[in-house]
Amino acid sequence: MIFKLEHSINQQVKAPENKGVELFIKREDEIHPFVSGNKYRKLKYNLLEAEKQGFKTLLTFGGAFSNHIAAVASAGNLLGFKTIGVIRGDELEDKISENETLSFAKQNGMQFKFVSRKAYRDKTSESFISILREIFEDFYLVPEGGTNALAVKGCEEILSETDADFDYICSSVGTGGTISGLINCSKPSQQVLGFPALKGDFLKQDISKFVTKTNWDLITDYHFGGYAKINEELVTFINQFKRQNTISLDPVYTGKMMFGIFDLINKGYFKKGSKILAIHTGGLQGIDGMNTVLKNKNLSIIE
């Protein structure tokens, strides 16, 4: 069984000087080489439940660079599940070999079902799921991004008692599962800040389905134009951060979060004397794919 970890380590990083705050990063990215970060946490109880119910197949959803798709494929391979990935973008069907994420998933035994972007919007509808069940018969459905009540339960295990002295807990936000778990296990004295990787205010409503506490907020200024959108400024920051701290950040989630934290520190958002804990949610497998995109645009790549 791969789900043995209790807690990951906290590593102090160099924060902007003369601002009077301490910044640490929780190395959830080091949990497992392929099922790392929040994907490990989100999949833990879902896969235990699938096993308990006797399912042999996992079906889930994702895009071309999805950390979730890669993690489900790897975890399924390790635990003996067949895996099916419903992939957004039917134009990708003939380009699997050109895509690092999909190639990795295929190598781990994942079967694909490519659908148009229009059809993908209906992925949660009963009619869409019924069609999938007609095609693939019996499967355990893992939502896109892995977020459901069992995923939130897993993410509630990210923080430990040794993290109680932090004033701020920061996390990138995709589907809202990770930050929901962090909110639920946070102390009343702590403020939980989420940095969405995509545009839109719908996330607050999604998160509110899983939490009752009010000690949280979303910082929506650092999405860089939307999901998987990046620019030279973000790439430069990610590379500088790695040189200074020997920690890689991914361009879709943790890079944007850390950029936002540094900017807020420089703007005096955090009180002097504050201790900040940023959660490294993994996602590093997506760097190669993003670098391919950057090279095609003649832009600097992520080191």
Foldseek 3Di string as FASTA:
>chain_A
DLLDDQEFDKAWFDAPPPLQETEIEGPQQPSDVQCGFLSSLLCVQLVVVCVVVPFQEEEEEDELLDSNLRNCLQVCLVVRHAYEYEYEAPVCPVVQVVGLSSVNSVVSRYHYHYDYNVVVVCCPPPVNVVVVCVVVPDHRYQYYVRDDQSSLVSLLSHDDPVCQQAQEEEFEDEQQSNLLSVQVNHDPNHAYEYEYLADDDCNVVRSVVRDDDDRYDYDDPQNCHGALHDDQVLLVQQQVRCVRGVDGAASRTRSSRVVVVSVCSVVSVDDRNGYYYYYRRHSPSSQVRSQVVCVVVVHDGRD
